[in-house]
Amino acid sequence: MFEPLLAADPSFQPRWNAFLADWGDEPELPFYLALSSLAEHLLKRLGDKDTEGFGRIFNVVERWHTEGDAYVREAASIGLLEALQDKSGGSGIRPTTVEPWLGRESERSWRMLDRFWEGNASAP
């Protein structure tokens, strides 16, 4: 799941290495924690106005949504997109800042999360 992301965003490699140092001995890696770290990383880059390669990064996120198994699709939505929405408040970055990079399925998941937090999970 993370190899294509690391190719798209090599600047995430130090955080990935730290994640593996902390969790690499686990039988199943807690990818949601890595995705939360990715959200923090992307928000920091947005705050620094460093969006070089965001198209490649969000292309990987789109592939997670379209080509991933059920776990990967859910992790991409709940683990990453929801974390971006949630963590953006404390970062001073508006969550909508990432919307231009979202692919079709990623944007659909993004909108579903919006509706869920607005209390309207059943809205189309």
N, C-alpha and C. Protein backbone atom coordinates (compact mmCIF):
# COMPACT_ATOMS: atom_id res chain seq x y z
N MET A 1 0.82 -1.19 0.00
CA MET A 1 0.00 0.00 0.00
C MET A 1 0.87 1.26 0.00
N PHE A 2 1.97 1.23 0.73
CA PHE A 2 2.76 2.46 0.88
C PHE A 2 3.89 2.60 -0.12
N GLU A 3 4.27 1.53 -0.83
CA GLU A 3 5.37 1.68 -1.79
C GLU A 3 5.08 2.74 -2.85
N PRO A 4 3.87 2.71 -3.47
CA PRO A 4 3.62 3.75 -4.48
C PRO A 4 3.53 5.14 -3.87
N LEU A 5 3.07 5.23 -2.63
CA LEU A 5 3.00 6.52 -1.96
C LEU A 5 4.40 7.08 -1.72
N LEU A 6 5.30 6.22 -1.28
CA LEU A 6 6.67 6.66 -1.02
C LEU A 6 7.37 7.06 -2.32
N ALA A 7 7.04 6.40 -3.41
CA ALA A 7 7.59 6.81 -4.71
C ALA A 7 7.03 8.17 -5.12
N ALA A 8 5.75 8.41 -4.81
CA ALA A 8 5.12 9.69 -5.16
C ALA A 8 5.58 10.81 -4.25
N ASP A 9 5.88 10.49 -3.00
CA ASP A 9 6.28 11.51 -2.02
C ASP A 9 7.44 11.01 -1.17
N PRO A 10 8.65 11.08 -1.70
CA PRO A 10 9.81 10.61 -0.94
C PRO A 10 10.02 11.37 0.37
N SER A 11 9.46 12.57 0.49
CA SER A 11 9.64 13.33 1.74
C SER A 11 8.91 12.68 2.92
N PHE A 12 8.02 11.72 2.64
CA PHE A 12 7.33 11.01 3.72
C PHE A 12 8.20 9.87 4.28
N GLN A 13 9.28 9.53 3.60
CA GLN A 13 10.12 8.40 3.99
C GLN A 13 10.59 8.46 5.44
N PRO A 14 11.04 9.59 5.99
CA PRO A 14 11.46 9.60 7.40
C PRO A 14 10.33 9.23 8.36
N ARG A 15 9.13 9.71 8.09
CA ARG A 15 7.99 9.34 8.95
C ARG A 15 7.66 7.85 8.80
N TRP A 16 7.75 7.34 7.58
CA TRP A 16 7.51 5.92 7.34
C TRP A 16 8.54 5.08 8.09
N ASN A 17 9.80 5.50 8.02
CA ASN A 17 10.86 4.77 8.72
C ASN A 17 10.61 4.77 10.23
N ALA A 18 10.17 5.90 10.77
CA ALA A 18 9.87 5.98 12.20
C ALA A 18 8.69 5.06 12.54
N PHE A 19 7.69 5.02 11.67
CA PHE A 19 6.54 4.13 11.87
C PHE A 19 7.01 2.67 11.91
N LEU A 20 7.85 2.29 10.94
CA LEU A 20 8.35 0.91 10.92
C LEU A 20 9.22 0.60 12.13
N ALA A 21 9.98 1.57 12.59
CA ALA A 21 10.80 1.35 13.79
C ALA A 21 9.92 1.09 15.01
N ASP A 22 8.80 1.78 15.07
CA ASP A 22 7.88 1.61 16.21
C ASP A 22 7.01 0.36 16.09
N TRP A 23 6.59 0.02 14.89
CA TRP A 23 5.56 -1.00 14.71
C TRP A 23 5.99 -2.18 13.85
N GLY A 24 7.19 -2.17 13.32
CA GLY A 24 7.63 -3.19 12.37
C GLY A 24 7.61 -4.60 12.88
N ASP A 25 7.65 -4.80 14.19
CA ASP A 25 7.63 -6.15 14.76
C ASP A 25 6.22 -6.71 14.93
N GLU A 26 5.22 -5.89 14.70
CA GLU A 26 3.83 -6.33 14.86
C GLU A 26 3.46 -7.28 13.72
N PRO A 27 2.65 -8.30 14.01
CA PRO A 27 2.24 -9.22 12.95
C PRO A 27 1.43 -8.52 11.86
N GLU A 28 0.62 -7.54 12.24
CA GLU A 28 -0.11 -6.73 11.26
C GLU A 28 0.17 -5.27 11.58
N LEU A 29 0.71 -4.57 10.60
CA LEU A 29 1.02 -3.15 10.82
C LEU A 29 -0.26 -2.34 10.97
N PRO A 30 -0.29 -1.41 11.93
CA PRO A 30 -1.46 -0.53 12.11
C PRO A 30 -1.42 0.62 11.10
N PHE A 31 -1.82 0.31 9.88
CA PHE A 31 -1.71 1.29 8.79
C PHE A 31 -2.49 2.57 9.06
N TYR A 32 -3.53 2.50 9.87
CA TYR A 32 -4.28 3.72 10.19
C TYR A 32 -3.39 4.74 10.88
N LEU A 33 -2.46 4.28 11.70
CA LEU A 33 -1.52 5.20 12.35
C LEU A 33 -0.60 5.84 11.32
N ALA A 34 -0.15 5.06 10.37
CA ALA A 34 0.71 5.60 9.31
C ALA A 34 -0.07 6.60 8.46
N LEU A 35 -1.34 6.32 8.21
CA LEU A 35 -2.17 7.25 7.41
C LEU A 35 -2.43 8.53 8.17
N SER A 36 -2.58 8.45 9.48
CA SER A 36 -2.73 9.65 10.29
C SER A 36 -1.45 10.49 10.21
N SER A 37 -0.32 9.82 10.26
CA SER A 37 0.96 10.52 10.13
C SER A 37 1.08 11.14 8.73
N LEU A 38 0.60 10.43 7.71
CA LEU A 38 0.61 10.99 6.36
C LEU A 38 -0.25 12.24 6.29
N ALA A 39 -1.41 12.21 6.93
CA ALA A 39 -2.28 13.40 6.95
C ALA A 39 -1.55 14.57 7.59
N GLU A 40 -0.89 14.35 8.71
CA GLU A 40 -0.12 15.42 9.37
C GLU A 40 0.97 15.94 8.45
N HIS A 41 1.65 15.02 7.79
CA HIS A 41 2.72 15.38 6.85
C HIS A 41 2.19 16.25 5.72
N LEU A 42 1.07 15.85 5.14
CA LEU A 42 0.50 16.62 4.03
C LEU A 42 0.02 17.99 4.49
N LEU A 43 -0.57 18.06 5.66
CA LEU A 43 -1.02 19.35 6.19
C LEU A 43 0.16 20.27 6.46
N LYS A 44 1.25 19.70 6.96
CA LYS A 44 2.46 20.52 7.17
C LYS A 44 2.97 21.05 5.84
N ARG A 45 3.00 20.18 4.84
CA ARG A 45 3.45 20.62 3.52
C ARG A 45 2.53 21.71 2.97
N LEU A 46 1.23 21.55 3.17
CA LEU A 46 0.29 22.59 2.72
C LEU A 46 0.56 23.90 3.45
N GLY A 47 0.79 23.81 4.75
CA GLY A 47 1.09 25.01 5.53
C GLY A 47 2.37 25.70 5.07
N ASP A 48 3.31 24.89 4.61
CA ASP A 48 4.58 25.43 4.09
C ASP A 48 4.48 25.83 2.62
N LYS A 49 3.27 25.67 2.05
CA LYS A 49 3.02 25.95 0.63
C LYS A 49 3.91 25.09 -0.27
N ASP A 50 4.18 23.88 0.17
CA ASP A 50 5.00 22.92 -0.56
C ASP A 50 4.08 21.83 -1.11
N THR A 51 3.49 22.11 -2.26
CA THR A 51 2.54 21.17 -2.85
C THR A 51 3.13 20.45 -4.07
N GLU A 52 4.42 20.56 -4.25
CA GLU A 52 5.10 19.84 -5.34
C GLU A 52 4.80 18.35 -5.20
N GLY A 53 4.28 17.76 -6.24
CA GLY A 53 4.01 16.34 -6.24
C GLY A 53 2.67 15.94 -5.65
N PHE A 54 1.85 16.89 -5.23
CA PHE A 54 0.55 16.53 -4.66
C PHE A 54 -0.32 15.79 -5.68
N GLY A 55 -0.19 16.12 -6.94
CA GLY A 55 -0.94 15.39 -7.97
C GLY A 55 -0.58 13.90 -7.94
N ARG A 56 0.71 13.60 -7.85
CA ARG A 56 1.16 12.21 -7.79
C ARG A 56 0.67 11.53 -6.51
N ILE A 57 0.75 12.25 -5.40
CA ILE A 57 0.33 11.69 -4.10
C ILE A 57 -1.16 11.33 -4.16
N PHE A 58 -1.97 12.25 -4.60
CA PHE A 58 -3.41 12.01 -4.62
C PHE A 58 -3.83 11.06 -5.74
N ASN A 59 -2.98 10.87 -6.75
CA ASN A 59 -3.22 9.80 -7.72
C ASN A 59 -3.09 8.45 -7.03
N VAL A 60 -2.13 8.32 -6.13
CA VAL A 60 -2.00 7.08 -5.35
C VAL A 60 -3.23 6.88 -4.47
N VAL A 61 -3.68 7.95 -3.82
CA VAL A 61 -4.87 7.86 -2.97
C VAL A 61 -6.07 7.43 -3.80
N GLU A 62 -6.17 7.96 -5.01
CA GLU A 62 -7.27 7.56 -5.90
C GLU A 62 -7.15 6.08 -6.26
N ARG A 63 -5.95 5.62 -6.51
CA ARG A 63 -5.75 4.20 -6.82
C ARG A 63 -6.13 3.33 -5.62
N TRP A 64 -5.83 3.81 -4.40
CA TRP A 64 -6.26 3.06 -3.21
C TRP A 64 -7.78 2.90 -3.23
N HIS A 65 -8.48 3.96 -3.63
CA HIS A 65 -9.94 3.92 -3.66
C HIS A 65 -10.49 3.05 -4.79
N THR A 66 -9.81 3.02 -5.91
CA THR A 66 -10.36 2.31 -7.07
C THR A 66 -9.80 0.91 -7.25
N GLU A 67 -8.58 0.66 -6.79
CA GLU A 67 -7.94 -0.63 -7.03
C GLU A 67 -7.71 -1.43 -5.75
N GLY A 68 -7.87 -0.81 -4.61
CA GLY A 68 -7.58 -1.48 -3.35
C GLY A 68 -8.69 -2.43 -2.94
N ASP A 69 -8.31 -3.36 -2.05
CA ASP A 69 -9.33 -4.23 -1.48
C ASP A 69 -10.16 -3.42 -0.48
N ALA A 70 -11.12 -4.07 0.15
CA ALA A 70 -12.03 -3.35 1.06
C ALA A 70 -11.27 -2.64 2.17
N TYR A 71 -10.25 -3.29 2.73
CA TYR A 71 -9.47 -2.67 3.80
C TYR A 71 -8.76 -1.41 3.30
N VAL A 72 -8.13 -1.50 2.15
CA VAL A 72 -7.38 -0.36 1.60
C VAL A 72 -8.32 0.79 1.28
N ARG A 73 -9.47 0.49 0.68
CA ARG A 73 -10.44 1.56 0.36
C ARG A 73 -10.92 2.25 1.63
N GLU A 74 -11.24 1.47 2.65
CA GLU A 74 -11.70 2.06 3.90
C GLU A 74 -10.57 2.85 4.58
N ALA A 75 -9.37 2.31 4.55
CA ALA A 75 -8.23 3.01 5.15
C ALA A 75 -7.96 4.33 4.43
N ALA A 76 -8.09 4.33 3.12
CA ALA A 76 -7.87 5.57 2.36
C ALA A 76 -8.89 6.62 2.76
N SER A 77 -10.14 6.20 2.97
CA SER A 77 -11.19 7.16 3.34
C SER A 77 -11.11 7.54 4.81
N ILE A 78 -11.18 6.54 5.69
CA ILE A 78 -11.24 6.82 7.12
C ILE A 78 -9.86 7.17 7.67
N GLY A 79 -8.86 6.43 7.24
CA GLY A 79 -7.52 6.65 7.77
C GLY A 79 -6.86 7.92 7.28
N LEU A 80 -7.05 8.24 6.00
CA LEU A 80 -6.38 9.42 5.45
C LEU A 80 -7.33 10.60 5.28
N LEU A 81 -8.38 10.44 4.48
CA LEU A 81 -9.23 11.59 4.18
C LEU A 81 -9.89 12.15 5.43
N GLU A 82 -10.42 11.27 6.27
CA GLU A 82 -11.03 11.76 7.50
C GLU A 82 -9.99 12.42 8.41
N ALA A 83 -8.79 11.85 8.45
CA ALA A 83 -7.73 12.46 9.25
C ALA A 83 -7.36 13.85 8.71
N LEU A 84 -7.35 14.00 7.38
CA LEU A 84 -7.09 15.32 6.80
C LEU A 84 -8.16 16.31 7.22
N GLN A 85 -9.41 15.88 7.18
CA GLN A 85 -10.49 16.78 7.58
C GLN A 85 -10.39 17.12 9.07
N ASP A 86 -10.13 16.11 9.87
CA ASP A 86 -10.09 16.28 11.32
C ASP A 86 -8.89 17.11 11.77
N LYS A 87 -7.72 16.78 11.28
CA LYS A 87 -6.50 17.42 11.74
C LYS A 87 -6.29 18.81 11.15
N SER A 88 -7.01 19.12 10.08
CA SER A 88 -6.82 20.42 9.45
C SER A 88 -7.23 21.56 10.37
N GLY A 89 -8.22 21.33 11.22
CA GLY A 89 -8.68 22.39 12.13
C GLY A 89 -7.57 22.91 13.02
N GLY A 90 -6.81 22.03 13.62
CA GLY A 90 -5.73 22.44 14.50
C GLY A 90 -4.50 22.96 13.77
N SER A 91 -4.46 22.73 12.46
CA SER A 91 -3.28 23.14 11.70
C SER A 91 -3.43 24.53 11.10
N GLY A 92 -4.65 25.06 11.13
CA GLY A 92 -4.90 26.35 10.48
C GLY A 92 -5.13 26.22 8.99
N ILE A 93 -5.15 24.99 8.48
CA ILE A 93 -5.39 24.74 7.06
C ILE A 93 -6.86 24.36 6.89
N ARG A 94 -7.52 24.97 5.95
CA ARG A 94 -8.91 24.59 5.67
C ARG A 94 -8.93 23.24 4.99
N PRO A 95 -9.81 22.33 5.40
CA PRO A 95 -9.84 21.00 4.80
C PRO A 95 -10.05 21.04 3.28
N THR A 96 -10.79 22.02 2.81
CA THR A 96 -11.08 22.09 1.37
C THR A 96 -9.83 22.36 0.54
N THR A 97 -8.74 22.71 1.18
CA THR A 97 -7.50 23.02 0.46
C THR A 97 -7.02 21.84 -0.37
N VAL A 98 -7.31 20.61 0.05
CA VAL A 98 -6.84 19.44 -0.70
C VAL A 98 -7.79 19.03 -1.82
N GLU A 99 -8.97 19.59 -1.86
CA GLU A 99 -9.98 19.15 -2.82
C GLU A 99 -9.52 19.21 -4.28
N PRO A 100 -8.74 20.20 -4.71
CA PRO A 100 -8.34 20.21 -6.12
C PRO A 100 -7.55 18.97 -6.56
N TRP A 101 -6.94 18.27 -5.63
CA TRP A 101 -6.13 17.10 -5.97
C TRP A 101 -6.90 15.79 -5.87
N LEU A 102 -8.11 15.82 -5.37
CA LEU A 102 -8.87 14.59 -5.19
C LEU A 102 -9.37 14.06 -6.53
N GLY A 103 -9.19 12.76 -6.73
CA GLY A 103 -9.77 12.11 -7.89
C GLY A 103 -11.26 11.86 -7.66
N ARG A 104 -11.90 11.28 -8.64
CA ARG A 104 -13.36 11.10 -8.60
C ARG A 104 -13.82 10.29 -7.39
N GLU A 105 -13.23 9.13 -7.16
CA GLU A 105 -13.65 8.29 -6.04
C GLU A 105 -13.21 8.87 -4.70
N SER A 106 -12.06 9.48 -4.68
CA SER A 106 -11.59 10.12 -3.44
C SER A 106 -12.51 11.27 -3.07
N GLU A 107 -12.92 12.04 -4.08
CA GLU A 107 -13.84 13.15 -3.81
C GLU A 107 -15.19 12.63 -3.33
N ARG A 108 -15.64 11.53 -3.90
CA ARG A 108 -16.91 10.93 -3.45
C ARG A 108 -16.80 10.54 -1.98
N SER A 109 -15.71 9.93 -1.59
CA SER A 109 -15.50 9.55 -0.19
C SER A 109 -15.40 10.79 0.69
N TRP A 110 -14.74 11.81 0.19
CA TRP A 110 -14.58 13.07 0.93
C TRP A 110 -15.96 13.67 1.23
N ARG A 111 -16.82 13.70 0.20
CA ARG A 111 -18.17 14.26 0.36
C ARG A 111 -19.01 13.41 1.32
N MET A 112 -18.86 12.09 1.25
CA MET A 112 -19.59 11.23 2.18
C MET A 112 -19.16 11.51 3.62
N LEU A 113 -17.88 11.72 3.84
CA LEU A 113 -17.39 12.07 5.18
C LEU A 113 -17.98 13.41 5.63
N ASP A 114 -18.02 14.37 4.72
CA ASP A 114 -18.63 15.67 5.04
C ASP A 114 -20.07 15.48 5.50
N ARG A 115 -20.83 14.73 4.72
CA ARG A 115 -22.24 14.51 5.05
C ARG A 115 -22.38 13.78 6.38
N PHE A 116 -21.51 12.80 6.62
CA PHE A 116 -21.57 12.06 7.87
C PHE A 116 -21.38 13.01 9.06
N TRP A 117 -20.38 13.87 8.98
CA TRP A 117 -20.10 14.77 10.11
C TRP A 117 -21.15 15.88 10.23
N GLU A 118 -21.87 16.13 9.15
CA GLU A 118 -22.99 17.07 9.22
C GLU A 118 -24.26 16.40 9.73
N GLY A 119 -24.17 15.09 9.99
CA GLY A 119 -25.32 14.35 10.50
C GLY A 119 -26.27 13.86 9.43
N ASN A 120 -25.79 13.81 8.19
CA ASN A 120 -26.64 13.41 7.08
C ASN A 120 -25.96 12.32 6.28
N ALA A 121 -25.63 11.22 6.91
CA ALA A 121 -24.89 10.13 6.26
C ALA A 121 -25.66 9.50 5.11
N SER A 122 -26.97 9.62 5.09
CA SER A 122 -27.75 8.97 4.03
C SER A 122 -27.91 9.84 2.79
N ALA A 123 -27.44 11.09 2.84
CA ALA A 123 -27.60 11.98 1.69
C ALA A 123 -26.76 11.49 0.52
N PRO A 124 -27.24 11.67 -0.70
CA PRO A 124 -26.48 11.19 -1.87
C PRO A 124 -25.22 11.99 -2.10
